[in-house]
N, C-alpha and C. Protein backbone atom coordinates (compact mmCIF):
# COMPACT_ATOMS: atom_id res chain seq x y z
N UNK A 1 0.69 -1.15 -0.11
CA UNK A 1 0.41 0.26 -0.02
C UNK A 1 0.85 1.12 -0.25
N UNK A 2 0.72 2.10 -1.01
CA UNK A 2 1.16 3.34 -1.01
C UNK A 2 0.10 4.56 -0.29
N UNK A 3 -0.78 4.82 -0.56
CA UNK A 3 -1.85 5.57 -0.26
C UNK A 3 -3.32 5.29 0.61
N UNK A 4 -3.28 5.62 1.13
CA UNK A 4 -4.67 5.52 1.81
C UNK A 4 -5.93 6.66 1.92
N UNK A 5 -6.90 6.95 1.55
CA UNK A 5 -7.56 7.73 1.78
C UNK A 5 -8.74 8.16 2.73
N UNK A 6 -8.86 8.91 3.87
CA UNK A 6 -10.44 8.86 4.05
C UNK A 6 -11.48 9.81 3.64
N UNK A 7 -12.40 10.05 3.39
CA UNK A 7 -13.64 10.56 3.03
C UNK A 7 -14.22 11.16 4.58
N UNK A 8 -14.31 12.48 4.74
CA UNK A 8 -15.35 12.90 5.97
C UNK A 8 -16.17 13.42 4.98
N UNK A 9 -17.44 13.48 5.54
CA UNK A 9 -18.79 14.12 4.64
C UNK A 9 -19.51 14.73 5.76
N UNK A 10 -19.79 16.49 5.99
CA UNK A 10 -20.61 16.42 6.85
C UNK A 10 -20.41 16.32 8.08
N UNK A 11 -19.33 15.91 8.88
CA UNK A 11 -18.63 15.60 9.97
C UNK A 11 -18.45 14.25 9.98
N UNK A 12 -18.85 13.08 8.89
CA UNK A 12 -19.34 11.71 9.20
C UNK A 12 -18.47 11.32 8.20
N UNK A 13 -17.84 9.91 8.95
CA UNK A 13 -16.90 9.39 8.03
C UNK A 13 -17.43 8.52 6.81
N UNK A 14 -17.16 8.57 5.52
CA UNK A 14 -17.92 8.40 4.47
C UNK A 14 -16.94 6.82 3.61
N UNK A 15 -15.72 6.78 3.68
CA UNK A 15 -15.50 5.78 2.58
C UNK A 15 -13.99 5.77 2.75
N UNK A 16 -13.10 5.10 2.46
CA UNK A 16 -11.59 5.11 2.38
C UNK A 16 -11.27 4.32 1.09
N UNK A 17 -10.05 5.03 0.68
CA UNK A 17 -9.59 4.43 -0.39
C UNK A 17 -8.38 4.14 -0.44
N UNK A 18 -8.07 3.03 -0.87
CA UNK A 18 -6.51 2.56 -1.19
C UNK A 18 -5.53 2.46 -2.22
N UNK A 19 -4.67 3.11 -2.00
CA UNK A 19 -3.73 3.30 -3.65
C UNK A 19 -4.65 3.72 -5.12
N UNK A 20 -6.03 4.51 -5.14
CA UNK A 20 -6.38 5.10 -5.52
C UNK A 20 -8.00 4.11 -6.19
N UNK A 21 -7.69 3.31 -5.45
CA UNK A 21 -8.92 2.10 -6.01
C UNK A 21 -10.39 2.71 -5.50
N UNK A 22 -11.63 2.26 -5.91
CA UNK A 22 -12.54 2.67 -5.84
C UNK A 22 -12.99 2.84 -4.24
N UNK A 23 -13.50 3.81 -3.77
CA UNK A 23 -14.11 3.32 -2.24
C UNK A 23 -14.56 2.23 -1.76
N UNK A 24 -14.74 2.16 -0.72
CA UNK A 24 -15.57 1.28 0.24
C UNK A 24 -15.80 1.87 1.48
N UNK A 25 -17.29 1.84 1.69
CA UNK A 25 -17.67 2.89 2.81
C UNK A 25 -17.51 2.20 3.91
N UNK A 26 -17.30 2.93 5.05
CA UNK A 26 -17.16 2.83 6.07
C UNK A 26 -17.86 3.71 7.23
N UNK A 27 -18.17 3.19 8.41
CA UNK A 27 -18.74 3.61 9.39
C UNK A 27 -17.99 3.95 10.79
N UNK A 28 -16.84 3.85 10.69
CA UNK A 28 -16.15 4.08 11.57
C UNK A 28 -14.57 3.89 11.41
N UNK A 29 -13.69 4.85 12.27
CA UNK A 29 -12.13 4.69 11.83
C UNK A 29 -11.41 5.20 13.40
N UNK A 30 -10.81 4.17 13.68
CA UNK A 30 -9.45 5.34 14.43
C UNK A 30 -8.35 5.35 13.78
N UNK A 31 -7.85 6.67 14.34
CA UNK A 31 -6.40 6.85 13.49
C UNK A 31 -5.34 7.35 15.03
N UNK A 32 -4.02 6.70 14.80
CA UNK A 32 -3.27 6.98 15.93
C UNK A 32 -2.03 7.12 15.41
N UNK A 33 -1.23 8.08 15.32
CA UNK A 33 0.03 8.51 14.82
C UNK A 33 0.76 9.13 15.92
N UNK A 34 2.10 8.67 15.48
CA UNK A 34 3.43 9.15 16.34
C UNK A 34 4.06 10.28 15.15
N UNK A 35 4.55 11.56 15.40
CA UNK A 35 5.30 12.11 14.99
C UNK A 35 6.91 11.57 14.97
N UNK A 36 7.60 11.51 14.01
CA UNK A 36 8.93 11.78 13.81
C UNK A 36 9.69 12.63 14.85
N UNK A 37 10.74 11.70 15.66
CA UNK A 37 11.76 13.07 16.16
C UNK A 37 10.65 13.93 17.42
N UNK A 38 9.63 13.60 18.05
CA UNK A 38 8.95 14.57 18.69
C UNK A 38 7.61 13.47 19.36
N UNK A 39 7.58 13.82 20.72
CA UNK A 39 6.70 12.87 21.47
C UNK A 39 5.32 13.68 21.42
N UNK A 40 4.79 13.68 20.35
CA UNK A 40 3.43 13.89 19.44
C UNK A 40 2.91 13.00 18.62
N UNK A 41 1.51 13.31 18.75
CA UNK A 41 0.72 12.50 17.48
C UNK A 41 -0.45 12.99 17.15
N UNK A 42 -1.25 12.29 16.70
CA UNK A 42 -2.56 12.44 16.03
C UNK A 42 -3.61 11.51 17.00
N UNK A 43 -4.92 12.17 17.27
CA UNK A 43 -5.99 11.24 17.45
C UNK A 43 -7.20 11.44 16.79
N UNK A 44 -7.73 10.48 16.02
CA UNK A 44 -8.45 10.85 15.39
C UNK A 44 -9.92 9.55 15.57
N UNK A 45 -10.44 9.91 15.53
CA UNK A 45 -11.61 8.51 16.05
C UNK A 45 -13.14 9.17 15.37
N UNK A 46 -14.12 8.45 14.66
CA UNK A 46 -15.09 8.97 14.25
C UNK A 46 -16.06 7.68 14.25
N UNK A 47 -16.97 7.56 14.69
CA UNK A 47 -17.77 6.16 14.88
C UNK A 47 -18.58 6.13 16.21
N UNK A 48 -19.54 5.35 16.59
CA UNK A 48 -20.34 5.26 18.11
C UNK A 48 -18.85 4.62 18.75
N UNK A 49 -19.14 5.17 20.18
CA UNK A 49 -17.95 4.43 21.37
C UNK A 49 -17.86 2.74 21.07
N UNK A 50 -19.44 2.42 21.05
CA UNK A 50 -19.64 0.85 20.98
C UNK A 50 -18.86 0.45 20.03
N UNK A 51 -18.71 0.85 18.69
CA UNK A 51 -17.91 0.51 17.50
C UNK A 51 -16.58 0.62 17.94
N UNK A 52 -16.33 1.44 17.72
CA UNK A 52 -14.39 1.69 18.96
C UNK A 52 -14.17 0.92 19.71
N UNK A 53 -15.06 0.61 20.41
CA UNK A 53 -14.79 -0.73 21.68
C UNK A 53 -14.26 -2.19 20.69
N UNK A 54 -15.37 -2.44 19.82
CA UNK A 54 -15.64 -3.48 18.76
C UNK A 54 -13.86 -3.79 18.47
N UNK A 55 -13.57 -2.43 18.01
CA UNK A 55 -12.97 -2.36 16.72
C UNK A 55 -11.45 -2.79 17.31
N UNK A 56 -11.11 -2.26 18.54
CA UNK A 56 -9.97 -1.83 19.24
C UNK A 56 -9.95 -3.85 19.99
N UNK A 57 -11.04 -4.25 20.37
CA UNK A 57 -11.20 -5.42 20.42
C UNK A 57 -10.50 -6.89 19.82
N UNK A 58 -11.39 -6.40 18.32
CA UNK A 58 -11.09 -6.93 17.19
C UNK A 58 -9.50 -7.37 16.38
N UNK A 59 -8.99 -5.97 16.74
CA UNK A 59 -7.68 -5.31 16.64
C UNK A 59 -6.49 -6.35 17.46
N UNK A 60 -6.92 -6.51 18.63
CA UNK A 60 -6.55 -7.36 19.65
C UNK A 60 -6.73 -8.65 19.46
N UNK A 61 -7.93 -9.38 18.87
CA UNK A 61 -7.72 -11.00 18.59
C UNK A 61 -7.01 -11.20 17.60
N UNK A 62 -6.94 -10.42 16.33
CA UNK A 62 -6.66 -10.87 15.02
C UNK A 62 -4.57 -10.68 15.52
N UNK A 63 -4.46 -9.74 16.48
CA UNK A 63 -3.08 -9.75 17.04
C UNK A 63 -2.62 -11.33 17.12
N UNK A 64 -3.28 -12.14 17.96
CA UNK A 64 -3.29 -13.07 18.73
C UNK A 64 -3.60 -14.32 17.58
N UNK A 65 -4.33 -14.25 16.67
CA UNK A 65 -4.69 -15.44 15.41
C UNK A 65 -3.53 -15.04 14.80
N UNK A 66 -2.60 -13.91 14.16
CA UNK A 66 -1.50 -13.83 13.43
C UNK A 66 -0.67 -13.77 13.74
N UNK A 67 -0.63 -14.28 14.92
CA UNK A 67 0.82 -14.71 15.51
C UNK A 67 1.88 -13.24 15.97
N UNK A 68 0.89 -12.31 16.24
CA UNK A 68 1.38 -10.52 16.57
C UNK A 68 1.59 -11.33 17.93
N UNK A 69 2.28 -11.61 18.52
CA UNK A 69 2.20 -11.76 20.68
C UNK A 69 2.95 -10.96 20.79
N UNK A 70 3.96 -10.26 20.66
CA UNK A 70 4.90 -9.08 20.95
C UNK A 70 3.30 -7.80 21.51
N UNK A 71 2.56 -7.85 20.03
CA UNK A 71 1.67 -6.35 19.81
C UNK A 71 0.65 -6.91 20.80
N UNK A 72 0.43 -8.05 21.01
CA UNK A 72 -1.04 -8.44 21.35
C UNK A 72 -0.79 -8.37 23.27
N UNK A 73 0.19 -8.86 23.35
CA UNK A 73 0.70 -8.69 24.98
C UNK A 73 1.01 -7.20 25.75
N UNK A 74 1.52 -5.96 24.46
CA UNK A 74 1.43 -4.74 24.64
C UNK A 74 0.26 -4.43 24.86
N UNK A 75 -0.58 -4.74 24.23
CA UNK A 75 -2.07 -4.45 24.58
C UNK A 75 -2.46 -4.62 25.57
N UNK A 76 -2.75 -6.10 26.16
CA UNK A 76 -2.86 -6.45 27.32
C UNK A 76 -2.19 -5.75 28.06
N UNK A 77 -0.91 -5.28 28.64
CA UNK A 77 -0.59 -4.23 29.42
C UNK A 77 -1.04 -3.26 29.33
N UNK A 78 -1.48 -2.42 28.17
CA UNK A 78 -2.15 -1.01 28.14
C UNK A 78 -3.51 -1.16 29.08
N UNK A 79 -4.47 -2.31 28.51
CA UNK A 79 -5.26 -2.59 28.85
C UNK A 79 -5.72 -2.51 30.74
N UNK A 80 -4.86 -3.22 31.16
CA UNK A 80 -4.61 -3.31 32.68
C UNK A 80 -4.33 -1.71 32.78
N UNK A 81 -3.37 -1.29 32.32
CA UNK A 81 -2.93 0.29 32.90
C UNK A 81 -4.33 0.94 32.86
N UNK A 82 -4.52 0.96 31.67
CA UNK A 82 -6.13 1.93 31.67
C UNK A 82 -6.95 1.32 32.82
N UNK A 83 -7.05 0.61 33.38
CA UNK A 83 -8.76 0.01 34.30
C UNK A 83 -7.55 0.55 35.60
N UNK A 84 -6.29 0.52 35.66
CA UNK A 84 -5.97 1.02 36.98
C UNK A 84 -6.44 2.44 37.10
N UNK A 85 -5.88 3.49 35.82
CA UNK A 85 -6.16 4.66 35.97
C UNK A 85 -7.75 5.21 35.59
N UNK A 86 -8.36 4.19 35.40
CA UNK A 86 -9.57 4.50 35.45
C UNK A 86 -10.20 4.59 36.95
N UNK A 87 -10.28 3.27 37.94
CA UNK A 87 -10.10 3.02 38.66
C UNK A 87 -9.59 4.22 40.06
N UNK A 88 -8.60 4.38 39.76
CA UNK A 88 -8.01 5.71 40.62
C UNK A 88 -8.55 7.23 40.27
N UNK A 89 -8.86 7.25 38.96
CA UNK A 89 -9.99 8.77 38.54
C UNK A 89 -11.21 8.70 39.38
N UNK A 90 -11.99 7.43 39.30
CA UNK A 90 -13.22 7.23 39.60
C UNK A 90 -13.48 7.09 41.31
N UNK A 91 -12.31 6.83 42.01
CA UNK A 91 -12.57 6.38 43.27
C UNK A 91 -13.24 5.15 43.62
N UNK A 92 -13.85 4.08 42.85
CA UNK A 92 -14.85 3.85 43.03
C UNK A 92 -14.10 2.10 42.14
N UNK A 93 -14.79 1.30 42.26
CA UNK A 93 -14.53 0.19 40.86
C UNK A 93 -15.02 0.12 39.74
N UNK A 94 -14.35 -0.30 38.82
CA UNK A 94 -15.22 -0.10 36.74
C UNK A 94 -16.32 -0.36 37.01
N UNK A 95 -17.00 0.20 36.80
CA UNK A 95 -18.56 0.12 36.28
C UNK A 95 -18.80 -1.44 35.65
N UNK A 96 -18.06 -2.02 34.86
CA UNK A 96 -18.43 -3.29 34.63
C UNK A 96 -18.30 -4.30 35.39
N UNK A 97 -17.56 -3.86 36.69
CA UNK A 97 -17.06 -5.06 37.50
C UNK A 97 -18.52 -5.36 38.11
N UNK A 98 -18.82 -6.41 38.60
CA UNK A 98 -20.16 -6.84 39.08
C UNK A 98 -19.88 -6.91 40.68
N UNK A 99 -21.17 -6.07 41.47
CA UNK A 99 -21.01 -6.13 42.86
C UNK A 99 -21.67 -7.67 43.26
N UNK A 100 -20.64 -8.14 43.70
CA UNK A 100 -21.34 -9.45 44.94
C UNK A 100 -22.61 -8.67 45.71
N UNK A 101 -23.96 -9.60 45.34
CA UNK A 101 -24.99 -9.29 46.05
C UNK A 101 -25.35 -10.91 46.44
N UNK A 102 -25.79 -10.39 47.77
CA UNK A 102 -25.73 -12.15 49.08
C UNK A 102 -27.47 -11.74 48.66
N UNK A 103 -27.43 -13.48 48.79
CA UNK A 103 -28.84 -14.09 48.36
C UNK A 103 -30.09 -13.50 49.20
N UNK A 104 -30.73 -13.11 49.28
CA UNK A 104 -31.67 -13.01 50.02
C UNK A 104 -33.01 -14.08 50.22
N UNK A 105 -32.96 -14.65 51.82
CA UNK A 105 -33.83 -15.41 51.55
C UNK A 105 -35.40 -15.37 52.41
């Protein structure tokens, strides 16, 4: 691949083209860059948060399936760090954690 172009129309993601080929429709994308020689980058996300979560999860699963173990392990470490920061920032358990409820007799 030499070139990728993403079109955004009216504030919504529209399609993506690779190497001048006909575009295919997309409803979400996540772009993360790191600039050369600078500790800065770009973070662009278009789409619903649920879709972003599914995309990140599928990215992780594909790393494992395609034998990219080092990247998969890095994602695991990052996920753990995110949860730790989220817990500290909220001062309470992560919302998805189930509280133990004692049975009522």
